[in-house]
Amino acid sequence: MTIPEFDFEVDACGLMCPLPLLRLKKALQGVENGQVVRVLATDPAAVLDFGVFIEQARHDLLCSYEQDRILYFFIRKGG
């Protein structure tokens, strides 16, 4: 798997729902369209929360994976 480059990182490890999603939303407000935010999370609910939000807000999930119990998400801000 090729890991995308990213412009901004959010470390939401140890935070529980809804905090990882709120941190992602705040990060996306601070970047330009087309830029990529990488989110690290440990809350399993982030998979569903992020999926629904990304689809509704018309952002792109470039890839996601889990390594050493940390979930990694790469989200490109849409317009």
PDB file of N, CA and C in Angstrom:
ATOM      1  N   MET A   1       0.850  -1.185   0.000  1.00  0.00           N
ATOM      2  CA  MET A   1       0.000   0.000   0.000  1.00  0.00           C
ATOM      3  C   MET A   1       0.892   1.243   0.000  1.00  0.00           C
ATOM      4  N   THR A   2       0.524   2.185  -0.820  1.00  0.00           N
ATOM      5  CA  THR A   2       1.221   3.464  -0.856  1.00  0.00           C
ATOM      6  C   THR A   2       0.537   4.423   0.103  1.00  0.00           C
ATOM      7  N   ILE A   3       1.304   4.990   1.006  1.00  0.00           N
ATOM      8  CA  ILE A   3       0.757   5.926   1.984  1.00  0.00           C
ATOM      9  C   ILE A   3       0.776   7.331   1.378  1.00  0.00           C
ATOM     10  N   PRO A   4      -0.386   7.981   1.321  1.00  0.00           N
ATOM     11  CA  PRO A   4      -0.431   9.333   0.743  1.00  0.00           C
ATOM     12  C   PRO A   4       0.360  10.350   1.567  1.00  0.00           C
ATOM     13  N   GLU A   5       0.854  11.358   0.902  1.00  0.00           N
ATOM     14  CA  GLU A   5       1.436  12.490   1.615  1.00  0.00           C
ATOM     15  C   GLU A   5       0.291  13.274   2.245  1.00  0.00           C
ATOM     16  N   PHE A   6       0.601  13.998   3.318  1.00  0.00           N
ATOM     17  CA  PHE A   6      -0.460  14.756   3.981  1.00  0.00           C
ATOM     18  C   PHE A   6       0.057  16.130   4.382  1.00  0.00           C
ATOM     19  N   ASP A   7      -0.892  17.057   4.533  1.00  0.00           N
ATOM     20  CA  ASP A   7      -0.571  18.448   4.844  1.00  0.00           C
ATOM     21  C   ASP A   7      -0.745  18.783   6.319  1.00  0.00           C
ATOM     22  N   PHE A   8      -1.572  18.010   7.008  1.00  0.00           N
ATOM     23  CA  PHE A   8      -1.890  18.311   8.408  1.00  0.00           C
ATOM     24  C   PHE A   8      -2.198  17.004   9.121  1.00  0.00           C
ATOM     25  N   GLU A   9      -1.833  16.911  10.391  1.00  0.00           N
ATOM     26  CA  GLU A   9      -2.083  15.686  11.150  1.00  0.00           C
ATOM     27  C   GLU A   9      -2.883  15.989  12.403  1.00  0.00           C
ATOM     28  N   VAL A  10      -3.816  15.098  12.696  1.00  0.00           N
ATOM     29  CA  VAL A  10      -4.611  15.166  13.920  1.00  0.00           C
ATOM     30  C   VAL A  10      -4.342  13.892  14.708  1.00  0.00           C
ATOM     31  N   ASP A  11      -3.842  14.038  15.915  1.00  0.00           N
ATOM     32  CA  ASP A  11      -3.626  12.882  16.785  1.00  0.00           C
ATOM     33  C   ASP A  11      -4.785  12.823  17.776  1.00  0.00           C
ATOM     34  N   ALA A  12      -5.714  11.920  17.495  1.00  0.00           N
ATOM     35  CA  ALA A  12      -6.885  11.755  18.356  1.00  0.00           C
ATOM     36  C   ALA A  12      -6.807  10.449  19.148  1.00  0.00           C
ATOM     37  N   CYS A  13      -5.620   9.919  19.295  1.00  0.00           N
ATOM     38  CA  CYS A  13      -5.434   8.677  20.057  1.00  0.00           C
ATOM     39  C   CYS A  13      -5.841   8.903  21.511  1.00  0.00           C
ATOM     40  N   GLY A  14      -6.577   7.941  22.048  1.00  0.00           N
ATOM     41  CA  GLY A  14      -7.022   8.021  23.425  1.00  0.00           C
ATOM     42  C   GLY A  14      -8.329   8.784  23.605  1.00  0.00           C
ATOM     43  N   LEU A  15      -8.797   9.437  22.562  1.00  0.00           N
ATOM     44  CA  LEU A  15     -10.053  10.186  22.640  1.00  0.00           C
ATOM     45  C   LEU A  15     -11.205   9.307  22.181  1.00  0.00           C
ATOM     46  N   MET A  16     -12.350   9.485  22.812  1.00  0.00           N
ATOM     47  CA  MET A  16     -13.525   8.696  22.467  1.00  0.00           C
ATOM     48  C   MET A  16     -14.538   9.571  21.729  1.00  0.00           C
ATOM     49  N   CYS A  17     -15.440   8.903  21.022  1.00  0.00           N
ATOM     50  CA  CYS A  17     -16.499   9.542  20.261  1.00  0.00           C
ATOM     51  C   CYS A  17     -17.211  10.558  21.158  1.00  0.00           C
ATOM     52  N   PRO A  18     -17.471  11.741  20.689  1.00  0.00           N
ATOM     53  CA  PRO A  18     -17.320  12.275  19.334  1.00  0.00           C
ATOM     54  C   PRO A  18     -16.034  13.082  19.112  1.00  0.00           C
ATOM     55  N   LEU A  19     -15.105  13.047  20.057  1.00  0.00           N
ATOM     56  CA  LEU A  19     -13.936  13.933  19.962  1.00  0.00           C
ATOM     57  C   LEU A  19     -13.072  13.721  18.714  1.00  0.00           C
ATOM     58  N   PRO A  20     -12.786  12.483  18.281  1.00  0.00           N
ATOM     59  CA  PRO A  20     -11.997  12.355  17.047  1.00  0.00           C
ATOM     60  C   PRO A  20     -12.671  13.021  15.847  1.00  0.00           C
ATOM     61  N   LEU A  21     -13.982  12.871  15.741  1.00  0.00           N
ATOM     62  CA  LEU A  21     -14.704  13.497  14.633  1.00  0.00           C
ATOM     63  C   LEU A  21     -14.665  15.018  14.742  1.00  0.00           C
ATOM     64  N   LEU A  22     -14.837  15.542  15.938  1.00  0.00           N
ATOM     65  CA  LEU A  22     -14.785  16.997  16.114  1.00  0.00           C
ATOM     66  C   LEU A  22     -13.399  17.541  15.761  1.00  0.00           C
ATOM     67  N   ARG A  23     -12.346  16.806  16.125  1.00  0.00           N
ATOM     68  CA  ARG A  23     -10.983  17.231  15.775  1.00  0.00           C
ATOM     69  C   ARG A  23     -10.774  17.210  14.260  1.00  0.00           C
ATOM     70  N   LEU A  24     -11.322  16.187  13.593  1.00  0.00           N
ATOM     71  CA  LEU A  24     -11.227  16.118  12.130  1.00  0.00           C
ATOM     72  C   LEU A  24     -11.944  17.305  11.497  1.00  0.00           C
ATOM     73  N   LYS A  25     -13.148  17.597  11.940  1.00  0.00           N
ATOM     74  CA  LYS A  25     -13.907  18.716  11.374  1.00  0.00           C
ATOM     75  C   LYS A  25     -13.142  20.033  11.532  1.00  0.00           C
ATOM     76  N   LYS A  26     -12.572  20.251  12.702  1.00  0.00           N
ATOM     77  CA  LYS A  26     -11.813  21.479  12.948  1.00  0.00           C
ATOM     78  C   LYS A  26     -10.596  21.545  12.034  1.00  0.00           C
ATOM     79  N   ALA A  27      -9.903  20.425  11.864  1.00  0.00           N
ATOM     80  CA  ALA A  27      -8.727  20.395  10.993  1.00  0.00           C
ATOM     81  C   ALA A  27      -9.101  20.704   9.549  1.00  0.00           C
ATOM     82  N   LEU A  28     -10.214  20.162   9.095  1.00  0.00           N
ATOM     83  CA  LEU A  28     -10.640  20.396   7.705  1.00  0.00           C
ATOM     84  C   LEU A  28     -11.012  21.856   7.481  1.00  0.00           C
ATOM     85  N   GLN A  29     -11.506  22.528   8.507  1.00  0.00           N
ATOM     86  CA  GLN A  29     -11.824  23.953   8.379  1.00  0.00           C
ATOM     87  C   GLN A  29     -10.561  24.774   8.188  1.00  0.00           C
ATOM     88  N   GLY A  30      -9.433  24.262   8.679  1.00  0.00           N
ATOM     89  CA  GLY A  30      -8.194  25.023   8.640  1.00  0.00           C
ATOM     90  C   GLY A  30      -7.299  24.744   7.445  1.00  0.00           C
ATOM     91  N   VAL A  31      -7.721  23.857   6.554  1.00  0.00           N
ATOM     92  CA  VAL A  31      -6.913  23.552   5.374  1.00  0.00           C
ATOM     93  C   VAL A  31      -7.663  23.928   4.109  1.00  0.00           C
ATOM     94  N   GLU A  32      -6.920  24.036   3.014  1.00  0.00           N
ATOM     95  CA  GLU A  32      -7.505  24.402   1.722  1.00  0.00           C
ATOM     96  C   GLU A  32      -8.100  23.172   1.035  1.00  0.00           C
ATOM     97  N   ASN A  33      -9.042  23.398   0.114  1.00  0.00           N
ATOM     98  CA  ASN A  33      -9.581  22.306  -0.695  1.00  0.00           C
ATOM     99  C   ASN A  33      -8.437  21.587  -1.399  1.00  0.00           C
ATOM    100  N   GLY A  34      -8.503  20.263  -1.390  1.00  0.00           N
ATOM    101  CA  GLY A  34      -7.478  19.461  -2.033  1.00  0.00           C
ATOM    102  C   GLY A  34      -6.356  19.033  -1.106  1.00  0.00           C
ATOM    103  N   GLN A  35      -6.229  19.688   0.044  1.00  0.00           N
ATOM    104  CA  GLN A  35      -5.189  19.280   0.990  1.00  0.00           C
ATOM    105  C   GLN A  35      -5.640  18.032   1.748  1.00  0.00           C
ATOM    106  N   VAL A  36      -4.653  17.306   2.283  1.00  0.00           N
ATOM    107  CA  VAL A  36      -4.921  16.025   2.934  1.00  0.00           C
ATOM    108  C   VAL A  36      -4.629  16.126   4.430  1.00  0.00           C
ATOM    109  N   VAL A  37      -5.577  15.606   5.209  1.00  0.00           N
ATOM    110  CA  VAL A  37      -5.434  15.531   6.665  1.00  0.00           C
ATOM    111  C   VAL A  37      -5.267  14.058   7.041  1.00  0.00           C
ATOM    112  N   ARG A  38      -4.240  13.773   7.849  1.00  0.00           N
ATOM    113  CA  ARG A  38      -4.071  12.426   8.389  1.00  0.00           C
ATOM    114  C   ARG A  38      -4.564  12.441   9.824  1.00  0.00           C
ATOM    115  N   VAL A  39      -5.419  11.474  10.153  1.00  0.00           N
ATOM    116  CA  VAL A  39      -5.950  11.355  11.508  1.00  0.00           C
ATOM    117  C   VAL A  39      -5.500  10.025  12.102  1.00  0.00           C
ATOM    118  N   LEU A  40      -4.997  10.083  13.327  1.00  0.00           N
ATOM    119  CA  LEU A  40      -4.672   8.891  14.100  1.00  0.00           C
ATOM    120  C   LEU A  40      -5.711   8.781  15.201  1.00  0.00           C
ATOM    121  N   ALA A  41      -6.313   7.602  15.332  1.00  0.00           N
ATOM    122  CA  ALA A  41      -7.359   7.407  16.334  1.00  0.00           C
ATOM    123  C   ALA A  41      -7.273   5.997  16.901  1.00  0.00           C
ATOM    124  N   THR A  42      -7.776   5.844  18.107  1.00  0.00           N
ATOM    125  CA  THR A  42      -7.834   4.517  18.729  1.00  0.00           C
ATOM    126  C   THR A  42      -9.271   4.083  19.016  1.00  0.00           C
ATOM    127  N   ASP A  43     -10.220   4.970  18.864  1.00  0.00           N
ATOM    128  CA  ASP A  43     -11.624   4.646  19.099  1.00  0.00           C
ATOM    129  C   ASP A  43     -12.189   3.921  17.876  1.00  0.00           C
ATOM    130  N   PRO A  44     -12.613   2.649  18.028  1.00  0.00           N
ATOM    131  CA  PRO A  44     -13.146   1.911  16.883  1.00  0.00           C
ATOM    132  C   PRO A  44     -14.359   2.585  16.231  1.00  0.00           C
ATOM    133  N   ALA A  45     -15.093   3.398  16.984  1.00  0.00           N
ATOM    134  CA  ALA A  45     -16.263   4.095  16.427  1.00  0.00           C
ATOM    135  C   ALA A  45     -15.862   5.110  15.365  1.00  0.00           C
ATOM    136  N   ALA A  46     -14.583   5.508  15.330  1.00  0.00           N
ATOM    137  CA  ALA A  46     -14.132   6.489  14.345  1.00  0.00           C
ATOM    138  C   ALA A  46     -14.336   5.984  12.921  1.00  0.00           C
ATOM    139  N   VAL A  47     -14.243   4.681  12.715  1.00  0.00           N
ATOM    140  CA  VAL A  47     -14.411   4.130  11.363  1.00  0.00           C
ATOM    141  C   VAL A  47     -15.781   4.508  10.817  1.00  0.00           C
ATOM    142  N   LEU A  48     -16.820   4.251  11.575  1.00  0.00           N
ATOM    143  CA  LEU A  48     -18.175   4.575  11.133  1.00  0.00           C
ATOM    144  C   LEU A  48     -18.417   6.083  11.128  1.00  0.00           C
ATOM    145  N   ASP A  49     -18.006   6.767  12.197  1.00  0.00           N
ATOM    146  CA  ASP A  49     -18.218   8.215  12.294  1.00  0.00           C
ATOM    147  C   ASP A  49     -17.573   8.945  11.117  1.00  0.00           C
ATOM    148  N   PHE A  50     -16.316   8.627  10.838  1.00  0.00           N
ATOM    149  CA  PHE A  50     -15.611   9.291   9.745  1.00  0.00           C
ATOM    150  C   PHE A  50     -16.239   8.953   8.406  1.00  0.00           C
ATOM    151  N   GLY A  51     -16.606   7.676   8.215  1.00  0.00           N
ATOM    152  CA  GLY A  51     -17.194   7.257   6.944  1.00  0.00           C
ATOM    153  C   GLY A  51     -18.444   8.041   6.600  1.00  0.00           C
ATOM    154  N   VAL A  52     -19.339   8.158   7.557  1.00  0.00           N
ATOM    155  CA  VAL A  52     -20.593   8.890   7.333  1.00  0.00           C
ATOM    156  C   VAL A  52     -20.311  10.367   7.097  1.00  0.00           C
ATOM    157  N   PHE A  53     -19.475  10.969   7.933  1.00  0.00           N
ATOM    158  CA  PHE A  53     -19.173  12.395   7.789  1.00  0.00           C
ATOM    159  C   PHE A  53     -18.509  12.702   6.446  1.00  0.00           C
ATOM    160  N   ILE A  54     -17.513  11.907   6.075  1.00  0.00           N
ATOM    161  CA  ILE A  54     -16.772  12.155   4.829  1.00  0.00           C
ATOM    162  C   ILE A  54     -17.701  12.086   3.627  1.00  0.00           C
ATOM    163  N   GLU A  55     -18.597  11.122   3.626  1.00  0.00           N
ATOM    164  CA  GLU A  55     -19.548  10.994   2.518  1.00  0.00           C
ATOM    165  C   GLU A  55     -20.507  12.180   2.477  1.00  0.00           C
ATOM    166  N   GLN A  56     -21.062  12.544   3.614  1.00  0.00           N
ATOM    167  CA  GLN A  56     -22.045  13.635   3.656  1.00  0.00           C
ATOM    168  C   GLN A  56     -21.406  14.977   3.328  1.00  0.00           C
ATOM    169  N   ALA A  57     -20.161  15.187   3.760  1.00  0.00           N
ATOM    170  CA  ALA A  57     -19.496  16.478   3.556  1.00  0.00           C
ATOM    171  C   ALA A  57     -18.742  16.540   2.230  1.00  0.00           C
ATOM    172  N   ARG A  58     -18.772  15.449   1.490  1.00  0.00           N
ATOM    173  CA  ARG A  58     -18.154  15.370   0.152  1.00  0.00           C
ATOM    174  C   ARG A  58     -16.635  15.539   0.177  1.00  0.00           C
ATOM    175  N   HIS A  59     -16.018  14.948   1.195  1.00  0.00           N
ATOM    176  CA  HIS A  59     -14.560  14.847   1.227  1.00  0.00           C
ATOM    177  C   HIS A  59     -14.209  13.472   0.667  1.00  0.00           C
ATOM    178  N   ASP A  60     -12.923  13.188   0.494  1.00  0.00           N
ATOM    179  CA  ASP A  60     -12.491  11.897  -0.044  1.00  0.00           C
ATOM    180  C   ASP A  60     -11.629  11.162   0.965  1.00  0.00           C
ATOM    181  N   LEU A  61     -11.994   9.935   1.259  1.00  0.00           N
ATOM    182  CA  LEU A  61     -11.145   9.074   2.077  1.00  0.00           C
ATOM    183  C   LEU A  61     -10.166   8.400   1.125  1.00  0.00           C
ATOM    184  N   LEU A  62      -8.907   8.831   1.174  1.00  0.00           N
ATOM    185  CA  LEU A  62      -7.898   8.293   0.266  1.00  0.00           C
ATOM    186  C   LEU A  62      -7.510   6.878   0.658  1.00  0.00           C
ATOM    187  N   CYS A  63      -7.322   6.646   1.942  1.00  0.00           N
ATOM    188  CA  CYS A  63      -7.065   5.298   2.440  1.00  0.00           C
ATOM    189  C   CYS A  63      -7.181   5.306   3.952  1.00  0.00           C
ATOM    190  N   SER A  64      -7.327   4.127   4.496  1.00  0.00           N
ATOM    191  CA  SER A  64      -7.317   3.965   5.945  1.00  0.00           C
ATOM    192  C   SER A  64      -6.759   2.579   6.237  1.00  0.00           C
ATOM    193  N   TYR A  65      -6.123   2.465   7.390  1.00  0.00           N
ATOM    194  CA  TYR A  65      -5.589   1.173   7.800  1.00  0.00           C
ATOM    195  C   TYR A  65      -5.376   1.188   9.306  1.00  0.00           C
ATOM    196  N   GLU A  66      -5.144   0.007   9.847  1.00  0.00           N
ATOM    197  CA  GLU A  66      -4.867  -0.119  11.277  1.00  0.00           C
ATOM    198  C   GLU A  66      -3.488  -0.740  11.450  1.00  0.00           C
ATOM    199  N   GLN A  67      -2.709  -0.169  12.351  1.00  0.00           N
ATOM    200  CA  GLN A  67      -1.380  -0.697  12.656  1.00  0.00           C
ATOM    201  C   GLN A  67      -1.119  -0.511  14.144  1.00  0.00           C
ATOM    202  N   ASP A  68      -0.779  -1.569  14.821  1.00  0.00           N
ATOM    203  CA  ASP A  68      -0.493  -1.526  16.264  1.00  0.00           C
ATOM    204  C   ASP A  68      -1.627  -0.877  17.057  1.00  0.00           C
ATOM    205  N   ARG A  69      -2.856  -1.234  16.712  1.00  0.00           N
ATOM    206  CA  ARG A  69      -4.079  -0.752  17.370  1.00  0.00           C
ATOM    207  C   ARG A  69      -4.349   0.734  17.178  1.00  0.00           C
ATOM    208  N   ILE A  70      -3.675   1.339  16.225  1.00  0.00           N
ATOM    209  CA  ILE A  70      -3.955   2.737  15.864  1.00  0.00           C
ATOM    210  C   ILE A  70      -4.577   2.746  14.480  1.00  0.00           C
ATOM    211  N   LEU A  71      -5.677   3.470  14.357  1.00  0.00           N
ATOM    212  CA  LEU A  71      -6.353   3.639  13.071  1.00  0.00           C
ATOM    213  C   LEU A  71      -5.796   4.876  12.386  1.00  0.00           C
ATOM    214  N   TYR A  72      -5.461   4.745  11.112  1.00  0.00           N
ATOM    215  CA  TYR A  72      -4.943   5.853  10.318  1.00  0.00           C
ATOM    216  C   TYR A  72      -5.938   6.154   9.201  1.00  0.00           C
ATOM    217  N   PHE A  73      -6.275   7.421   9.044  1.00  0.00           N
ATOM    218  CA  PHE A  73      -7.191   7.867   7.997  1.00  0.00           C
ATOM    219  C   PHE A  73      -6.529   9.004   7.226  1.00  0.00           C
ATOM    220  N   PHE A  74      -6.639   8.982   5.916  1.00  0.00           N
ATOM    221  CA  PHE A  74      -6.124  10.043   5.066  1.00  0.00           C
ATOM    222  C   PHE A  74      -7.317  10.624   4.314  1.00  0.00           C
ATOM    223  N   ILE A  75      -7.667  11.868   4.615  1.00  0.00           N
ATOM    224  CA  ILE A  75      -8.862  12.499   4.070  1.00  0.00           C
ATOM    225  C   ILE A  75      -8.472  13.730   3.270  1.00  0.00           C
ATOM    226  N   ARG A  76      -8.906  13.767   2.002  1.00  0.00           N
ATOM    227  CA  ARG A  76      -8.679  14.955   1.164  1.00  0.00           C
ATOM    228  C   ARG A  76      -9.908  15.844   1.267  1.00  0.00           C
ATOM    229  N   LYS A  77      -9.673  17.117   1.583  1.00  0.00           N
ATOM    230  CA  LYS A  77     -10.765  18.067   1.704  1.00  0.00           C
ATOM    231  C   LYS A  77     -11.376  18.321   0.340  1.00  0.00           C
ATOM    232  N   GLY A  78     -12.696  18.169   0.283  1.00  0.00           N
ATOM    233  CA  GLY A  78     -13.432  18.440  -0.945  1.00  0.00           C
ATOM    234  C   GLY A  78     -13.963  19.842  -0.941  1.00  0.00           C
ATOM    235  N   GLY A  79     -14.598  20.203  -2.011  1.00  0.00           N
ATOM    236  CA  GLY A  79     -15.123  21.553  -2.127  1.00  0.00           C
ATOM    237  C   GLY A  79     -16.580  21.531  -2.211  1.00  0.00           C
TER     238      GLY A  79
END
